[in-house]
Amino acid sequence: MSLSKWLAKKRNLLSNINIKNSNSIPKKNLWIKCNQCGNLMYYKVLESNYKVCPKCDHHFPAFSNDRISYLFDDSTWLPLDENLSSTDPLGFSDRKLYSDRLLDTKIKTGLSDAVQTGLASIEGIRVACGIMDFRFMGGSMGSVVGEKLTRLIEYATLSRLPLIILCASGGARMQEGMLSLMQMAKVSSALNNYHAAKLPYFTILTSPTTGGVTASFAMLGDLILAEPGAVIAFAGRRVIEQTIKEQLPDKFQTSEYLFEHGFIDMIIPRYKLRTQLHKLLLLYFDSIY
């Protein structure tokens, strides 16, 4: 079989695969240690506290299905475009074929790509929401991530729904080259139409939010919220230091540093996010009626 035929077969396999979402990576350990304060706790205690250390308030990584359960009214999540899945348009390979990497990640995470989009309710208020998941290739923004978010924004514009996007990403997906970078303009263009409709767009920056995601839709919210201690940046710390030949402040590129310098609007702990979003939504609806 020729290489081109073999790659075509791989692409067909990837486009036809349909994997149901799983809640998160299976828990193997009964105990877990906080990396920040060293507190040792039952994993169930951590889970019951929104994956936030009860001693020091350190926010552990949370995945897209965790966030759906934290934020929205029970049984109101309605997924959109859940079967859209990346292919390998460039036939890219590094240490392994991109098509193989995609397939392995889909099986490991139970996700079709690095973002889940859908409709849900927060205390009865209907919203459109996109939730990125860092488990899927570092939450990287490929063609499917851009397409799903663009469709979500267009649906929210036509339906006049508030829009929420939770960001967790290493940036553009290098395996898709320029096709990935194009998603920055594509999603931003859809947001421009959404803003013209005078509808509220909230972004929630979680750790990490970097690269092309930070340079586009993550920082275009009418209100930009962030979790405590989140890493928020475009380029990496070492890259900047080596370029400008200077030492950066200790808390540079954290949500606290960005808040102090006016780049984000609010820092909200995970366990208060649902309540705060509800208050912000009520303020918006009070202002238009």
Protein backbone atom coordinates (compact mmCIF):
# COMPACT_ATOMS: atom_id res chain seq x y z
CA MET A 1 0.00 0.00 0.00
CA SER A 2 1.36 3.44 -0.95
CA LEU A 3 1.94 6.12 1.68
CA SER A 4 -0.83 8.33 0.27
CA LYS A 5 -3.37 5.49 0.40
CA TRP A 6 -2.29 4.59 3.94
CA LEU A 7 -2.69 8.21 5.10
CA ALA A 8 -6.12 8.40 3.43
CA LYS A 9 -7.18 5.27 5.30
CA LYS A 10 -5.99 6.83 8.58
CA ARG A 11 -7.97 10.00 7.89
CA ASN A 12 -11.13 8.01 7.18
CA LEU A 13 -10.70 6.10 10.42
CA LEU A 14 -10.29 9.34 12.39
CA SER A 15 -13.28 11.04 10.76
CA ASN A 16 -15.58 8.09 11.44
CA ILE A 17 -14.58 7.39 15.04
CA ASN A 18 -17.20 8.31 17.63
CA ILE A 19 -16.03 8.24 21.23
CA LYS A 20 -18.39 9.10 24.07
CA ASN A 21 -17.21 11.60 26.67
CA SER A 22 -15.74 10.29 29.88
CA ASN A 23 -15.85 12.26 33.13
CA SER A 24 -12.10 12.48 33.70
CA ILE A 25 -8.96 10.41 34.03
CA PRO A 26 -9.66 7.42 36.32
CA LYS A 27 -8.53 7.94 39.90
CA LYS A 28 -5.90 5.38 40.91
CA ASN A 29 -4.80 6.87 44.23
CA LEU A 30 -6.85 7.19 47.38
CA TRP A 31 -4.65 10.04 48.63
CA ILE A 32 -3.26 13.09 46.87
CA LYS A 33 -0.68 15.67 47.93
CA CYS A 34 -1.01 19.36 47.20
CA ASN A 35 1.96 20.56 45.15
CA GLN A 36 1.76 24.01 46.70
CA CYS A 37 1.42 23.46 50.47
CA GLY A 38 2.14 19.72 50.81
CA ASN A 39 -1.25 19.01 52.35
CA LEU A 40 -2.16 15.30 52.13
CA MET A 41 -5.86 14.63 51.58
CA TYR A 42 -8.34 12.06 50.38
CA TYR A 43 -8.98 12.45 46.65
CA LYS A 44 -12.73 12.47 47.41
CA VAL A 45 -12.22 15.47 49.70
CA LEU A 46 -10.46 17.30 46.87
CA GLU A 47 -13.22 16.40 44.41
CA SER A 48 -15.96 17.52 46.78
CA ASN A 49 -14.17 20.89 47.05
CA TYR A 50 -14.17 21.56 43.28
CA LYS A 51 -10.59 20.22 43.02
CA VAL A 52 -9.33 23.09 45.18
CA CYS A 53 -7.01 22.39 48.11
CA PRO A 54 -9.01 23.11 51.31
CA LYS A 55 -5.85 24.23 53.12
CA CYS A 56 -4.14 26.68 50.74
CA ASP A 57 -6.78 27.24 48.02
CA HIS A 58 -4.50 25.87 45.28
CA HIS A 59 -6.55 25.09 42.17
CA PHE A 60 -5.82 21.64 40.75
CA PRO A 61 -6.52 21.05 37.03
CA ALA A 62 -10.19 20.57 36.23
CA PHE A 63 -11.40 19.03 33.01
CA SER A 64 -14.30 19.94 30.75
CA ASN A 65 -16.79 17.48 32.25
CA ASP A 66 -15.83 18.59 35.76
CA ARG A 67 -16.59 22.17 34.81
CA ILE A 68 -19.93 21.24 33.28
CA SER A 69 -20.97 19.68 36.59
CA TYR A 70 -19.64 22.66 38.59
CA LEU A 71 -21.21 25.46 36.56
CA PHE A 72 -24.56 24.41 35.20
CA ASP A 73 -27.97 23.34 36.44
CA ASP A 74 -28.34 19.57 36.57
CA SER A 75 -29.21 17.85 33.29
CA THR A 76 -29.29 21.09 31.28
CA TRP A 77 -26.08 20.60 29.26
CA LEU A 78 -26.91 20.06 25.58
CA PRO A 79 -23.76 19.42 23.51
CA LEU A 80 -23.31 20.91 20.06
CA ASP A 81 -21.19 19.51 17.22
CA GLU A 82 -19.82 16.78 19.49
CA ASN A 83 -18.86 14.53 16.58
CA LEU A 84 -16.62 17.06 14.81
CA SER A 85 -13.14 15.62 14.85
CA SER A 86 -9.72 16.65 13.52
CA THR A 87 -8.04 14.91 10.61
CA ASP A 88 -4.45 15.19 9.42
CA PRO A 89 -4.55 17.59 6.44
CA LEU A 90 -0.76 18.06 6.31
CA GLY A 91 0.27 14.44 6.87
CA PHE A 92 2.31 15.74 9.81
CA SER A 93 4.66 13.67 11.92
CA ASP A 94 7.17 14.36 14.68
CA ARG A 95 8.07 11.48 16.98
CA LYS A 96 4.84 9.85 15.80
CA LEU A 97 2.23 10.49 13.16
CA TYR A 98 -0.27 13.22 14.00
CA SER A 99 -3.09 10.88 12.96
CA ASP A 100 -1.86 8.32 15.51
CA ARG A 101 -1.50 11.00 18.19
CA LEU A 102 -5.08 12.13 17.56
CA LEU A 103 -6.43 8.60 17.79
CA ASP A 104 -4.51 7.85 20.99
CA THR A 105 -5.71 11.08 22.61
CA LYS A 106 -9.34 10.45 21.66
CA ILE A 107 -9.22 7.01 23.21
CA LYS A 108 -7.41 8.24 26.34
CA THR A 109 -9.68 11.23 27.04
CA GLY A 110 -12.98 10.14 25.53
CA LEU A 111 -13.15 13.52 23.76
CA SER A 112 -13.45 14.26 20.06
CA ASP A 113 -11.19 17.32 20.33
CA ALA A 114 -9.87 19.97 22.73
CA VAL A 115 -13.13 21.85 23.30
CA GLN A 116 -16.68 20.95 24.25
CA THR A 117 -19.41 23.34 23.14
CA GLY A 118 -23.05 23.36 24.11
CA LEU A 119 -26.05 25.05 25.67
CA ALA A 120 -26.84 25.00 29.38
CA SER A 121 -28.55 26.91 32.19
CA ILE A 122 -27.15 28.76 35.19
CA GLU A 123 -29.93 29.19 37.76
CA GLY A 124 -32.43 29.00 34.92
CA ILE A 125 -30.62 31.46 32.63
CA ARG A 126 -29.84 29.88 29.27
CA VAL A 127 -26.27 30.37 27.98
CA ALA A 128 -24.02 29.16 25.17
CA CYS A 129 -20.71 27.83 26.43
CA GLY A 130 -17.39 26.51 25.16
CA ILE A 131 -15.09 24.63 27.56
CA MET A 132 -11.53 23.79 26.58
CA ASP A 133 -9.85 20.66 27.93
CA PHE A 134 -6.07 20.65 28.45
CA ARG A 135 -5.93 16.84 28.39
CA PHE A 136 -6.50 16.85 24.63
CA MET A 137 -3.08 17.72 23.19
CA GLY A 138 -2.58 20.52 25.69
CA GLY A 139 -5.89 22.14 24.80
CA SER A 140 -4.28 23.21 21.53
CA MET A 141 -6.35 25.15 19.02
CA GLY A 142 -6.67 23.23 15.78
CA SER A 143 -9.18 23.55 12.94
CA VAL A 144 -11.92 21.72 14.82
CA VAL A 145 -11.54 23.85 17.96
CA GLY A 146 -11.86 26.97 15.82
CA GLU A 147 -14.82 25.56 13.89
CA LYS A 148 -16.71 24.47 17.00
CA LEU A 149 -16.21 27.81 18.72
CA THR A 150 -17.21 29.73 15.58
CA ARG A 151 -20.40 27.70 15.23
CA LEU A 152 -21.15 28.23 18.92
CA ILE A 153 -20.69 32.00 18.61
CA GLU A 154 -22.86 32.15 15.48
CA TYR A 155 -25.59 30.15 17.23
CA ALA A 156 -25.41 32.44 20.28
CA THR A 157 -25.65 35.50 18.01
CA LEU A 158 -28.74 34.23 16.17
CA SER A 159 -30.38 33.00 19.39
CA ARG A 160 -29.31 36.10 21.37
CA LEU A 161 -27.77 34.04 24.14
CA PRO A 162 -25.04 35.11 26.59
CA LEU A 163 -21.72 33.51 25.66
CA ILE A 164 -19.15 31.97 28.03
CA ILE A 165 -15.82 30.44 27.00
CA LEU A 166 -13.54 28.73 29.53
CA CYS A 167 -9.99 28.72 28.24
CA ALA A 168 -7.25 26.19 28.95
CA SER A 169 -4.72 25.92 26.17
CA GLY A 170 -1.09 25.79 25.18
CA GLY A 171 -1.95 27.79 22.05
CA ALA A 172 -2.16 26.95 18.36
CA ARG A 173 -1.75 23.32 17.30
CA MET A 174 1.56 23.10 15.47
CA GLN A 175 0.61 19.87 13.70
CA GLU A 176 -1.93 21.82 11.61
CA GLY A 177 0.38 24.72 10.78
CA MET A 178 -1.23 27.77 9.18
CA LEU A 179 -4.65 26.09 9.32
CA SER A 180 -4.43 26.36 13.10
CA LEU A 181 -3.28 30.00 13.08
CA MET A 182 -6.22 30.91 10.82
CA GLN A 183 -8.61 29.96 13.63
CA MET A 184 -7.51 33.05 15.59
CA ALA A 185 -8.95 35.36 12.94
CA LYS A 186 -11.93 33.11 12.28
CA VAL A 187 -13.15 33.01 15.88
CA SER A 188 -12.35 36.70 16.41
CA SER A 189 -14.39 37.62 13.33
CA ALA A 190 -17.39 35.68 14.66
CA LEU A 191 -16.97 37.49 18.00
CA ASN A 192 -16.98 40.84 16.20
CA ASN A 193 -20.46 40.05 14.85
CA TYR A 194 -21.51 38.88 18.30
CA HIS A 195 -20.32 42.14 19.89
CA ALA A 196 -22.21 44.12 17.21
CA ALA A 197 -25.40 42.41 18.42
CA LYS A 198 -24.70 43.92 21.89
CA LEU A 199 -24.66 40.56 23.66
CA PRO A 200 -22.51 39.69 26.71
CA TYR A 201 -19.36 37.63 26.26
CA PHE A 202 -17.52 36.32 29.34
CA THR A 203 -14.14 34.64 29.16
CA ILE A 204 -12.79 32.56 32.05
CA LEU A 205 -9.04 32.04 31.97
CA THR A 206 -7.78 28.90 33.69
CA SER A 207 -4.26 27.54 33.97
CA PRO A 208 -2.68 27.60 31.48
CA THR A 209 -4.08 30.03 28.89
CA THR A 210 -1.28 30.81 26.45
CA GLY A 211 -0.24 31.35 22.85
CA GLY A 212 -2.73 31.96 20.06
CA VAL A 213 -5.72 31.48 22.37
CA THR A 214 -4.52 34.35 24.60
CA ALA A 215 -3.77 36.41 21.49
CA SER A 216 -7.34 36.04 20.22
CA PHE A 217 -10.66 35.07 21.79
CA ALA A 218 -9.44 34.62 25.38
CA MET A 219 -8.77 38.34 25.79
CA LEU A 220 -11.78 39.63 23.83
CA GLY A 221 -14.40 39.15 26.53
CA ASP A 222 -16.58 42.01 27.70
CA LEU A 223 -15.56 40.76 31.12
CA ILE A 224 -12.39 38.71 31.52
CA LEU A 225 -12.39 36.48 34.59
CA ALA A 226 -9.63 34.19 35.83
CA GLU A 227 -9.00 31.50 38.41
CA PRO A 228 -6.48 32.24 41.19
CA GLY A 229 -2.88 31.45 40.30
CA ALA A 230 -3.61 30.75 36.65
CA VAL A 231 -0.75 31.03 34.17
CA ILE A 232 -1.86 33.49 31.47
CA ALA A 233 0.59 34.46 28.76
CA PHE A 234 1.46 34.61 25.09
CA ALA A 235 5.12 33.61 24.96
CA GLY A 236 6.89 31.52 27.58
CA ARG A 237 8.74 33.17 30.45
CA ARG A 238 12.18 31.93 29.37
CA VAL A 239 11.61 33.05 25.78
CA ILE A 240 10.81 36.58 26.95
CA GLU A 241 13.76 36.73 29.35
CA GLN A 242 16.18 35.54 26.69
CA THR A 243 14.77 38.05 24.19
CA ILE A 244 14.80 41.18 26.38
CA LYS A 245 17.83 40.08 28.46
CA GLU A 246 16.06 40.92 31.72
CA GLN A 247 14.77 39.02 34.75
CA LEU A 248 10.96 39.05 34.97
CA PRO A 249 9.04 39.53 38.25
CA ASP A 250 8.29 36.37 40.23
CA LYS A 251 4.51 36.46 39.67
CA PHE A 252 4.74 37.61 36.06
CA GLN A 253 2.14 35.90 33.82
CA THR A 254 -0.14 34.95 36.73
CA SER A 255 -3.77 36.00 37.03
CA GLU A 256 -2.86 38.12 40.08
CA TYR A 257 -0.16 40.02 38.16
CA LEU A 258 -2.48 40.62 35.20
CA PHE A 259 -5.26 41.82 37.49
CA GLU A 260 -2.92 44.31 39.19
CA HIS A 261 -1.94 45.69 35.77
CA GLY A 262 -5.47 45.93 34.36
CA PHE A 263 -5.43 43.07 31.85
CA ILE A 264 -8.25 41.09 33.48
CA ASP A 265 -11.33 42.21 35.39
CA MET A 266 -11.86 39.72 38.20
CA ILE A 267 -10.19 36.77 39.92
CA ILE A 268 -12.80 34.28 41.09
CA PRO A 269 -12.18 30.99 42.95
CA ARG A 270 -13.66 27.99 41.19
CA TYR A 271 -16.19 27.29 43.93
CA LYS A 272 -17.63 30.84 43.58
CA LEU A 273 -17.68 30.99 39.79
CA ARG A 274 -21.22 29.72 39.25
CA THR A 275 -22.64 32.23 41.75
CA GLN A 276 -20.62 35.11 40.29
CA LEU A 277 -21.63 34.29 36.71
CA HIS A 278 -25.28 34.22 37.77
CA LYS A 279 -24.92 37.68 39.32
CA LEU A 280 -23.26 39.04 36.18
CA LEU A 281 -25.96 37.58 33.96
CA LEU A 282 -28.66 39.15 36.15
CA LEU A 283 -26.92 42.52 35.87
CA TYR A 284 -26.92 42.21 32.08
CA PHE A 285 -30.61 41.33 31.86
CA ASP A 286 -31.52 44.09 34.34
CA SER A 287 -29.70 46.58 32.14
CA ILE A 288 -31.67 45.74 28.98
CA TYR A 289 -35.16 45.62 30.49
